[in-house]
């Protein structure tokens, strides 16, 4: 499994159409690729925690939805992303 899967690309495109940049970043940070989340996506999500107009509960719900995925890679990357946001994001 190398590269983004078709499912990941479609999901990211759906978030682009709906205008949810945060959900798109979560989707891209938790792809099916067997490697860690990309730094640029983690940095964007950390930046989002410092902004006033970002819905943090929605961000948490989006990450939680990714933990229900059937792929262990996606679940693990969602947990890594959650941990990273808890360590470096705004309270």
PDB file of N, CA and C in Angstrom:
ATOM      1  N   UNK A   1       0.838  -1.170   0.000  1.00  0.00           N
ATOM      2  CA  UNK A   1       0.000   0.000   0.000  1.00  0.00           C
ATOM      3  C   UNK A   1       0.886   1.237   0.000  1.00  0.00           C
ATOM      4  N   UNK A   2       1.099   1.834  -1.128  1.00  0.00           N
ATOM      5  CA  UNK A   2       1.878   3.058  -1.156  1.00  0.00           C
ATOM      6  C   UNK A   2       1.040   4.160  -1.775  1.00  0.00           C
ATOM      7  N   UNK A   3       1.202   5.366  -1.283  1.00  0.00           N
ATOM      8  CA  UNK A   3       0.433   6.487  -1.795  1.00  0.00           C
ATOM      9  C   UNK A   3      -0.957   6.529  -1.203  1.00  0.00           C
ATOM     10  N   UNK A   4      -1.651   7.609  -1.495  1.00  0.00           N
ATOM     11  CA  UNK A   4      -3.013   7.751  -1.002  1.00  0.00           C
ATOM     12  C   UNK A   4      -3.942   6.809  -1.748  1.00  0.00           C
ATOM     13  N   UNK A   5      -4.873   6.250  -1.019  1.00  0.00           N
ATOM     14  CA  UNK A   5      -5.851   5.374  -1.654  1.00  0.00           C
ATOM     15  C   UNK A   5      -6.912   6.221  -2.359  1.00  0.00           C
ATOM     16  N   UNK A   6      -7.671   5.582  -3.201  1.00  0.00           N
ATOM     17  CA  UNK A   6      -8.760   6.260  -3.904  1.00  0.00           C
ATOM     18  C   UNK A   6      -9.770   6.807  -2.891  1.00  0.00           C
ATOM     19  N   UNK A   7     -10.037   6.039  -1.853  1.00  0.00           N
ATOM     20  CA  UNK A   7     -10.978   6.469  -0.822  1.00  0.00           C
ATOM     21  C   UNK A   7     -10.501   7.749  -0.142  1.00  0.00           C
ATOM     22  N   UNK A   8      -9.192   7.805   0.172  1.00  0.00           N
ATOM     23  CA  UNK A   8      -8.632   9.001   0.798  1.00  0.00           C
ATOM     24  C   UNK A   8      -8.773  10.213  -0.112  1.00  0.00           C
ATOM     25  N   UNK A   9      -8.502  10.031  -1.383  1.00  0.00           N
ATOM     26  CA  UNK A   9      -8.591  11.144  -2.330  1.00  0.00           C
ATOM     27  C   UNK A   9     -10.020  11.628  -2.491  1.00  0.00           C
ATOM     28  N   UNK A  10     -10.975  10.700  -2.542  1.00  0.00           N
ATOM     29  CA  UNK A  10     -12.381  11.088  -2.681  1.00  0.00           C
ATOM     30  C   UNK A  10     -12.855  11.816  -1.431  1.00  0.00           C
ATOM     31  N   UNK A  11     -12.486  11.312  -0.270  1.00  0.00           N
ATOM     32  CA  UNK A  11     -12.894  11.948   0.982  1.00  0.00           C
ATOM     33  C   UNK A  11     -12.311  13.357   1.086  1.00  0.00           C
ATOM     34  N   UNK A  12     -11.031  13.526   0.733  1.00  0.00           N
ATOM     35  CA  UNK A  12     -10.415  14.856   0.761  1.00  0.00           C
ATOM     36  C   UNK A  12     -11.103  15.789  -0.228  1.00  0.00           C
ATOM     37  N   UNK A  13     -11.475  15.282  -1.396  1.00  0.00           N
ATOM     38  CA  UNK A  13     -12.167  16.104  -2.388  1.00  0.00           C
ATOM     39  C   UNK A  13     -13.547  16.520  -1.880  1.00  0.00           C
ATOM     40  N   UNK A  14     -14.241  15.626  -1.192  1.00  0.00           N
ATOM     41  CA  UNK A  14     -15.552  15.968  -0.628  1.00  0.00           C
ATOM     42  C   UNK A  14     -15.422  17.088   0.395  1.00  0.00           C
ATOM     43  N   UNK A  15     -14.375  17.037   1.216  1.00  0.00           N
ATOM     44  CA  UNK A  15     -14.161  18.094   2.204  1.00  0.00           C
ATOM     45  C   UNK A  15     -13.785  19.405   1.524  1.00  0.00           C
ATOM     46  N   UNK A  16     -13.102  19.332   0.399  1.00  0.00           N
ATOM     47  CA  UNK A  16     -12.769  20.545  -0.353  1.00  0.00           C
ATOM     48  C   UNK A  16     -14.031  21.200  -0.888  1.00  0.00           C
ATOM     49  N   UNK A  17     -14.948  20.371  -1.384  1.00  0.00           N
ATOM     50  CA  UNK A  17     -16.196  20.895  -1.949  1.00  0.00           C
ATOM     51  C   UNK A  17     -17.058  21.532  -0.865  1.00  0.00           C
ATOM     52  N   UNK A  18     -17.117  20.897   0.298  1.00  0.00           N
ATOM     53  CA  UNK A  18     -17.946  21.434   1.380  1.00  0.00           C
ATOM     54  C   UNK A  18     -17.276  22.610   2.085  1.00  0.00           C
ATOM     55  N   UNK A  19     -16.012  22.844   1.811  1.00  0.00           N
ATOM     56  CA  UNK A  19     -15.318  23.982   2.394  1.00  0.00           C
ATOM     57  C   UNK A  19     -14.767  23.740   3.780  1.00  0.00           C
ATOM     58  N   UNK A  20     -14.674  22.503   4.196  1.00  0.00           N
ATOM     59  CA  UNK A  20     -14.162  22.186   5.523  1.00  0.00           C
ATOM     60  C   UNK A  20     -12.665  21.898   5.436  1.00  0.00           C
ATOM     61  N   UNK A  21     -11.864  22.935   5.613  1.00  0.00           N
ATOM     62  CA  UNK A  21     -10.410  22.786   5.523  1.00  0.00           C
ATOM     63  C   UNK A  21      -9.862  21.941   6.674  1.00  0.00           C
ATOM     64  N   UNK A  22     -10.481  22.052   7.839  1.00  0.00           N
ATOM     65  CA  UNK A  22     -10.027  21.277   9.002  1.00  0.00           C
ATOM     66  C   UNK A  22     -10.269  19.789   8.768  1.00  0.00           C
ATOM     67  N   UNK A  23     -11.452  19.438   8.280  1.00  0.00           N
ATOM     68  CA  UNK A  23     -11.758  18.029   8.011  1.00  0.00           C
ATOM     69  C   UNK A  23     -10.855  17.489   6.907  1.00  0.00           C
ATOM     70  N   UNK A  24     -10.541  18.318   5.929  1.00  0.00           N
ATOM     71  CA  UNK A  24      -9.639  17.899   4.861  1.00  0.00           C
ATOM     72  C   UNK A  24      -8.246  17.631   5.420  1.00  0.00           C
ATOM     73  N   UNK A  25      -7.770  18.496   6.316  1.00  0.00           N
ATOM     74  CA  UNK A  25      -6.448  18.312   6.920  1.00  0.00           C
ATOM     75  C   UNK A  25      -6.414  17.048   7.776  1.00  0.00           C
ATOM     76  N   UNK A  26      -7.499  16.782   8.502  1.00  0.00           N
ATOM     77  CA  UNK A  26      -7.570  15.549   9.306  1.00  0.00           C
ATOM     78  C   UNK A  26      -7.532  14.338   8.391  1.00  0.00           C
ATOM     79  N   UNK A  27      -8.281  14.403   7.298  1.00  0.00           N
ATOM     80  CA  UNK A  27      -8.305  13.297   6.340  1.00  0.00           C
ATOM     81  C   UNK A  27      -6.928  13.059   5.748  1.00  0.00           C
ATOM     82  N   UNK A  28      -6.234  14.129   5.407  1.00  0.00           N
ATOM     83  CA  UNK A  28      -4.913  13.988   4.806  1.00  0.00           C
ATOM     84  C   UNK A  28      -3.871  13.548   5.828  1.00  0.00           C
ATOM     85  N   UNK A  29      -4.052  13.911   7.086  1.00  0.00           N
ATOM     86  CA  UNK A  29      -3.112  13.485   8.128  1.00  0.00           C
ATOM     87  C   UNK A  29      -3.288  12.015   8.481  1.00  0.00           C
ATOM     88  N   UNK A  30      -4.477  11.481   8.188  1.00  0.00           N
ATOM     89  CA  UNK A  30      -4.784  10.099   8.589  1.00  0.00           C
ATOM     90  C   UNK A  30      -5.089   9.229   7.371  1.00  0.00           C
ATOM     91  N   UNK A  31      -4.243   9.293   6.372  1.00  0.00           N
ATOM     92  CA  UNK A  31      -4.429   8.490   5.167  1.00  0.00           C
ATOM     93  C   UNK A  31      -4.035   7.041   5.411  1.00  0.00           C
ATOM     94  N   UNK A  32      -4.226   6.213   4.411  1.00  0.00           N
ATOM     95  CA  UNK A  32      -3.878   4.797   4.489  1.00  0.00           C
ATOM     96  C   UNK A  32      -2.393   4.532   4.230  1.00  0.00           C
ATOM     97  N   UNK A  33      -1.610   5.568   3.969  1.00  0.00           N
ATOM     98  CA  UNK A  33      -0.179   5.382   3.724  1.00  0.00           C
ATOM     99  C   UNK A  33       0.490   4.861   4.992  1.00  0.00           C
ATOM    100  N   UNK A  34       1.372   3.895   4.842  1.00  0.00           N
ATOM    101  CA  UNK A  34       2.068   3.332   5.999  1.00  0.00           C
ATOM    102  C   UNK A  34       3.302   4.185   6.286  1.00  0.00           C
ATOM    103  N   UNK A  35       3.045   5.328   6.885  1.00  0.00           N
ATOM    104  CA  UNK A  35       4.066   6.261   7.370  1.00  0.00           C
ATOM    105  C   UNK A  35       3.353   7.241   8.284  1.00  0.00           C
ATOM    106  N   UNK A  36       4.102   8.006   9.029  1.00  0.00           N
ATOM    107  CA  UNK A  36       3.493   8.938   9.963  1.00  0.00           C
ATOM    108  C   UNK A  36       2.753  10.054   9.258  1.00  0.00           C
ATOM    109  N   UNK A  37       1.905  10.776   9.997  1.00  0.00           N
ATOM    110  CA  UNK A  37       1.217  11.922   9.413  1.00  0.00           C
ATOM    111  C   UNK A  37       2.234  12.967   8.950  1.00  0.00           C
ATOM    112  N   UNK A  38       1.925  13.644   7.852  1.00  0.00           N
ATOM    113  CA  UNK A  38       2.849  14.655   7.336  1.00  0.00           C
ATOM    114  C   UNK A  38       2.865  15.871   8.256  1.00  0.00           C
ATOM    115  N   UNK A  39       4.058  16.429   8.406  1.00  0.00           N
ATOM    116  CA  UNK A  39       4.255  17.563   9.293  1.00  0.00           C
ATOM    117  C   UNK A  39       3.397  18.753   8.894  1.00  0.00           C
ATOM    118  N   UNK A  40       3.234  18.981   7.591  1.00  0.00           N
ATOM    119  CA  UNK A  40       2.468  20.155   7.161  1.00  0.00           C
ATOM    120  C   UNK A  40       1.006  20.058   7.597  1.00  0.00           C
ATOM    121  N   UNK A  41       0.450  18.847   7.629  1.00  0.00           N
ATOM    122  CA  UNK A  41      -0.933  18.684   8.061  1.00  0.00           C
ATOM    123  C   UNK A  41      -1.045  18.835   9.582  1.00  0.00           C
ATOM    124  N   UNK A  42      -0.075  18.299  10.303  1.00  0.00           N
ATOM    125  CA  UNK A  42      -0.082  18.464  11.759  1.00  0.00           C
ATOM    126  C   UNK A  42       0.096  19.931  12.138  1.00  0.00           C
ATOM    127  N   UNK A  43       0.999  20.628  11.447  1.00  0.00           N
ATOM    128  CA  UNK A  43       1.218  22.049  11.722  1.00  0.00           C
ATOM    129  C   UNK A  43      -0.040  22.863  11.450  1.00  0.00           C
ATOM    130  N   UNK A  44      -0.745  22.532  10.369  1.00  0.00           N
ATOM    131  CA  UNK A  44      -1.984  23.248  10.057  1.00  0.00           C
ATOM    132  C   UNK A  44      -3.020  23.027  11.147  1.00  0.00           C
ATOM    133  N   UNK A  45      -3.147  21.789  11.630  1.00  0.00           N
ATOM    134  CA  UNK A  45      -4.126  21.504  12.685  1.00  0.00           C
ATOM    135  C   UNK A  45      -3.757  22.191  13.987  1.00  0.00           C
ATOM    136  N   UNK A  46      -2.472  22.277  14.290  1.00  0.00           N
ATOM    137  CA  UNK A  46      -2.036  23.006  15.485  1.00  0.00           C
ATOM    138  C   UNK A  46      -2.373  24.484  15.343  1.00  0.00           C
ATOM    139  N   UNK A  47      -2.141  25.029  14.167  1.00  0.00           N
ATOM    140  CA  UNK A  47      -2.478  26.423  13.899  1.00  0.00           C
ATOM    141  C   UNK A  47      -3.984  26.652  14.079  1.00  0.00           C
ATOM    142  N   UNK A  48      -4.786  25.682  13.668  1.00  0.00           N
ATOM    143  CA  UNK A  48      -6.240  25.794  13.801  1.00  0.00           C
ATOM    144  C   UNK A  48      -6.673  25.863  15.264  1.00  0.00           C
ATOM    145  N   UNK A  49      -5.943  25.203  16.153  1.00  0.00           N
ATOM    146  CA  UNK A  49      -6.315  25.234  17.569  1.00  0.00           C
ATOM    147  C   UNK A  49      -6.085  26.607  18.177  1.00  0.00           C
ATOM    148  N   UNK A  50      -5.276  27.427  17.536  1.00  0.00           N
ATOM    149  CA  UNK A  50      -5.002  28.771  18.036  1.00  0.00           C
ATOM    150  C   UNK A  50      -5.926  29.826  17.448  1.00  0.00           C
ATOM    151  N   UNK A  51      -6.767  29.464  16.500  1.00  0.00           N
ATOM    152  CA  UNK A  51      -7.663  30.427  15.861  1.00  0.00           C
ATOM    153  C   UNK A  51      -9.016  30.432  16.558  1.00  0.00           C
ATOM    154  N   UNK A  52      -9.643  31.580  16.539  1.00  0.00           N
ATOM    155  CA  UNK A  52     -10.920  31.740  17.236  1.00  0.00           C
ATOM    156  C   UNK A  52     -12.101  31.158  16.458  1.00  0.00           C
ATOM    157  N   UNK A  53     -12.031  31.142  15.136  1.00  0.00           N
ATOM    158  CA  UNK A  53     -13.189  30.746  14.334  1.00  0.00           C
ATOM    159  C   UNK A  53     -13.212  29.257  13.978  1.00  0.00           C
ATOM    160  N   UNK A  54     -12.362  28.456  14.606  1.00  0.00           N
ATOM    161  CA  UNK A  54     -12.340  27.013  14.336  1.00  0.00           C
ATOM    162  C   UNK A  54     -13.114  26.296  15.429  1.00  0.00           C
ATOM    163  N   UNK A  55     -13.979  25.387  15.026  1.00  0.00           N
ATOM    164  CA  UNK A  55     -14.798  24.627  15.948  1.00  0.00           C
ATOM    165  C   UNK A  55     -13.992  23.421  16.445  1.00  0.00           C
ATOM    166  N   UNK A  56     -13.429  23.543  17.632  1.00  0.00           N
ATOM    167  CA  UNK A  56     -12.569  22.495  18.191  1.00  0.00           C
ATOM    168  C   UNK A  56     -13.345  21.194  18.443  1.00  0.00           C
ATOM    169  N   UNK A  57     -14.586  21.244  18.957  1.00  0.00           N
ATOM    170  CA  UNK A  57     -15.330  19.977  19.106  1.00  0.00           C
ATOM    171  C   UNK A  57     -15.544  19.261  17.769  1.00  0.00           C
ATOM    172  N   UNK A  58     -15.738  20.019  16.705  1.00  0.00           N
ATOM    173  CA  UNK A  58     -15.898  19.389  15.382  1.00  0.00           C
ATOM    174  C   UNK A  58     -14.581  18.742  14.943  1.00  0.00           C
ATOM    175  N   UNK A  59     -13.467  19.391  15.233  1.00  0.00           N
ATOM    176  CA  UNK A  59     -12.147  18.818  14.935  1.00  0.00           C
ATOM    177  C   UNK A  59     -11.972  17.506  15.694  1.00  0.00           C
ATOM    178  N   UNK A  60     -12.337  17.504  16.972  1.00  0.00           N
ATOM    179  CA  UNK A  60     -12.230  16.282  17.785  1.00  0.00           C
ATOM    180  C   UNK A  60     -13.155  15.191  17.249  1.00  0.00           C
ATOM    181  N   UNK A  61     -14.370  15.568  16.846  1.00  0.00           N
ATOM    182  CA  UNK A  61     -15.304  14.582  16.291  1.00  0.00           C
ATOM    183  C   UNK A  61     -14.774  13.980  14.995  1.00  0.00           C
ATOM    184  N   UNK A  62     -14.153  14.801  14.170  1.00  0.00           N
ATOM    185  CA  UNK A  62     -13.594  14.307  12.907  1.00  0.00           C
ATOM    186  C   UNK A  62     -12.474  13.312  13.174  1.00  0.00           C
ATOM    187  N   UNK A  63     -11.619  13.616  14.148  1.00  0.00           N
ATOM    188  CA  UNK A  63     -10.557  12.674  14.517  1.00  0.00           C
ATOM    189  C   UNK A  63     -11.152  11.394  15.100  1.00  0.00           C
ATOM    190  N   UNK A  64     -12.196  11.542  15.913  1.00  0.00           N
ATOM    191  CA  UNK A  64     -12.836  10.370  16.510  1.00  0.00           C
ATOM    192  C   UNK A  64     -13.444   9.471  15.434  1.00  0.00           C
ATOM    193  N   UNK A  65     -14.039  10.071  14.407  1.00  0.00           N
ATOM    194  CA  UNK A  65     -14.606   9.291  13.303  1.00  0.00           C
ATOM    195  C   UNK A  65     -13.527   8.478  12.597  1.00  0.00           C
ATOM    196  N   UNK A  66     -12.326   9.039  12.486  1.00  0.00           N
ATOM    197  CA  UNK A  66     -11.232   8.335  11.820  1.00  0.00           C
ATOM    198  C   UNK A  66     -10.770   7.138  12.654  1.00  0.00           C
ATOM    199  N   UNK A  67     -10.970   7.175  13.964  1.00  0.00           N
ATOM    200  CA  UNK A  67     -10.571   6.026  14.798  1.00  0.00           C
ATOM    201  C   UNK A  67     -11.521   4.850  14.628  1.00  0.00           C
ATOM    202  N   UNK A  68     -12.673   5.069  14.015  1.00  0.00           N
ATOM    203  CA  UNK A  68     -13.626   3.983  13.769  1.00  0.00           C
ATOM    204  C   UNK A  68     -13.374   3.302  12.427  1.00  0.00           C
ATOM    205  N   UNK A  69     -12.329   3.707  11.729  1.00  0.00           N
ATOM    206  CA  UNK A  69     -11.997   3.141  10.425  1.00  0.00           C
ATOM    207  C   UNK A  69     -11.541   1.692  10.589  1.00  0.00           C
ATOM    208  N   UNK A  70     -11.724   0.905   9.560  1.00  0.00           N
ATOM    209  CA  UNK A  70     -11.345  -0.511   9.632  1.00  0.00           C
ATOM    210  C   UNK A  70      -9.844  -0.726   9.424  1.00  0.00           C
ATOM    211  N   UNK A  71      -9.142   0.275   8.931  1.00  0.00           N
ATOM    212  CA  UNK A  71      -7.703   0.153   8.697  1.00  0.00           C
ATOM    213  C   UNK A  71      -6.925   0.540   9.961  1.00  0.00           C
ATOM    214  N   UNK A  72      -6.041  -0.334  10.390  1.00  0.00           N
ATOM    215  CA  UNK A  72      -5.249  -0.035  11.586  1.00  0.00           C
ATOM    216  C   UNK A  72      -4.337   1.164  11.351  1.00  0.00           C
ATOM    217  N   UNK A  73      -3.924   1.380  10.119  1.00  0.00           N
ATOM    218  CA  UNK A  73      -3.031   2.504   9.806  1.00  0.00           C
ATOM    219  C   UNK A  73      -3.753   3.827  10.057  1.00  0.00           C
ATOM    220  N   UNK A  74      -4.988   3.915   9.589  1.00  0.00           N
ATOM    221  CA  UNK A  74      -5.774   5.142   9.774  1.00  0.00           C
ATOM    222  C   UNK A  74      -6.039   5.383  11.257  1.00  0.00           C
ATOM    223  N   UNK A  75      -6.383   4.352  11.979  1.00  0.00           N
ATOM    224  CA  UNK A  75      -6.663   4.481  13.409  1.00  0.00           C
ATOM    225  C   UNK A  75      -5.401   4.926  14.153  1.00  0.00           C
ATOM    226  N   UNK A  76      -4.280   4.307  13.839  1.00  0.00           N
ATOM    227  CA  UNK A  76      -3.027   4.653  14.505  1.00  0.00           C
ATOM    228  C   UNK A  76      -2.635   6.103  14.212  1.00  0.00           C
ATOM    229  N   UNK A  77      -2.795   6.528  12.953  1.00  0.00           N
ATOM    230  CA  UNK A  77      -2.449   7.900  12.587  1.00  0.00           C
ATOM    231  C   UNK A  77      -3.410   8.907  13.218  1.00  0.00           C
ATOM    232  N   UNK A  78      -4.668   8.515  13.404  1.00  0.00           N
ATOM    233  CA  UNK A  78      -5.619   9.396  14.092  1.00  0.00           C
ATOM    234  C   UNK A  78      -5.214   9.559  15.558  1.00  0.00           C
ATOM    235  N   UNK A  79      -4.759   8.480  16.171  1.00  0.00           N
ATOM    236  CA  UNK A  79      -4.300   8.555  17.558  1.00  0.00           C
ATOM    237  C   UNK A  79      -3.019   9.374  17.674  1.00  0.00           C
ATOM    238  N   UNK A  80      -2.113   9.224  16.723  1.00  0.00           N
ATOM    239  CA  UNK A  80      -0.885  10.033  16.715  1.00  0.00           C
ATOM    240  C   UNK A  80      -1.241  11.506  16.568  1.00  0.00           C
ATOM    241  N   UNK A  81      -2.161  11.804  15.657  1.00  0.00           N
ATOM    242  CA  UNK A  81      -2.574  13.191  15.432  1.00  0.00           C
ATOM    243  C   UNK A  81      -3.227  13.765  16.681  1.00  0.00           C
ATOM    244  N   UNK A  82      -4.077  12.991  17.328  1.00  0.00           N
ATOM    245  CA  UNK A  82      -4.719  13.437  18.561  1.00  0.00           C
ATOM    246  C   UNK A  82      -3.679  13.719  19.637  1.00  0.00           C
ATOM    247  N   UNK A  83      -2.733  12.821  19.790  1.00  0.00           N
ATOM    248  CA  UNK A  83      -1.667  13.016  20.771  1.00  0.00           C
ATOM    249  C   UNK A  83      -0.857  14.272  20.461  1.00  0.00           C
ATOM    250  N   UNK A  84      -0.529  14.461  19.194  1.00  0.00           N
ATOM    251  CA  UNK A  84       0.255  15.627  18.777  1.00  0.00           C
ATOM    252  C   UNK A  84      -0.502  16.924  19.093  1.00  0.00           C
ATOM    253  N   UNK A  85      -1.799  16.941  18.825  1.00  0.00           N
ATOM    254  CA  UNK A  85      -2.594  18.133  19.114  1.00  0.00           C
ATOM    255  C   UNK A  85      -2.706  18.383  20.621  1.00  0.00           C
ATOM    256  N   UNK A  86      -2.791  17.307  21.400  1.00  0.00           N
ATOM    257  CA  UNK A  86      -2.866  17.479  22.855  1.00  0.00           C
ATOM    258  C   UNK A  86      -1.553  18.004  23.423  1.00  0.00           C
ATOM    259  N   UNK A  87      -0.442  17.601  22.810  1.00  0.00           N
ATOM    260  CA  UNK A  87       0.866  18.041  23.303  1.00  0.00           C
ATOM    261  C   UNK A  87       1.211  19.462  22.856  1.00  0.00           C
ATOM    262  N   UNK A  88       0.940  19.803  21.612  1.00  0.00           N
ATOM    263  CA  UNK A  88       1.433  21.059  21.053  1.00  0.00           C
ATOM    264  C   UNK A  88       0.342  22.059  20.692  1.00  0.00           C
ATOM    265  N   UNK A  89      -0.913  21.653  20.720  1.00  0.00           N
ATOM    266  CA  UNK A  89      -2.001  22.563  20.387  1.00  0.00           C
ATOM    267  C   UNK A  89      -2.363  23.462  21.549  1.00  0.00           C
ATOM    268  N   UNK A  90      -3.233  24.406  21.284  1.00  0.00           N
ATOM    269  CA  UNK A  90      -3.695  25.327  22.307  1.00  0.00           C
ATOM    270  C   UNK A  90      -4.639  24.596  23.251  1.00  0.00           C
ATOM    271  N   UNK A  91      -4.624  24.992  24.514  1.00  0.00           N
ATOM    272  CA  UNK A  91      -5.472  24.353  25.523  1.00  0.00           C
ATOM    273  C   UNK A  91      -6.918  24.529  25.175  1.00  0.00           C
TER     274      UNK A  91
END
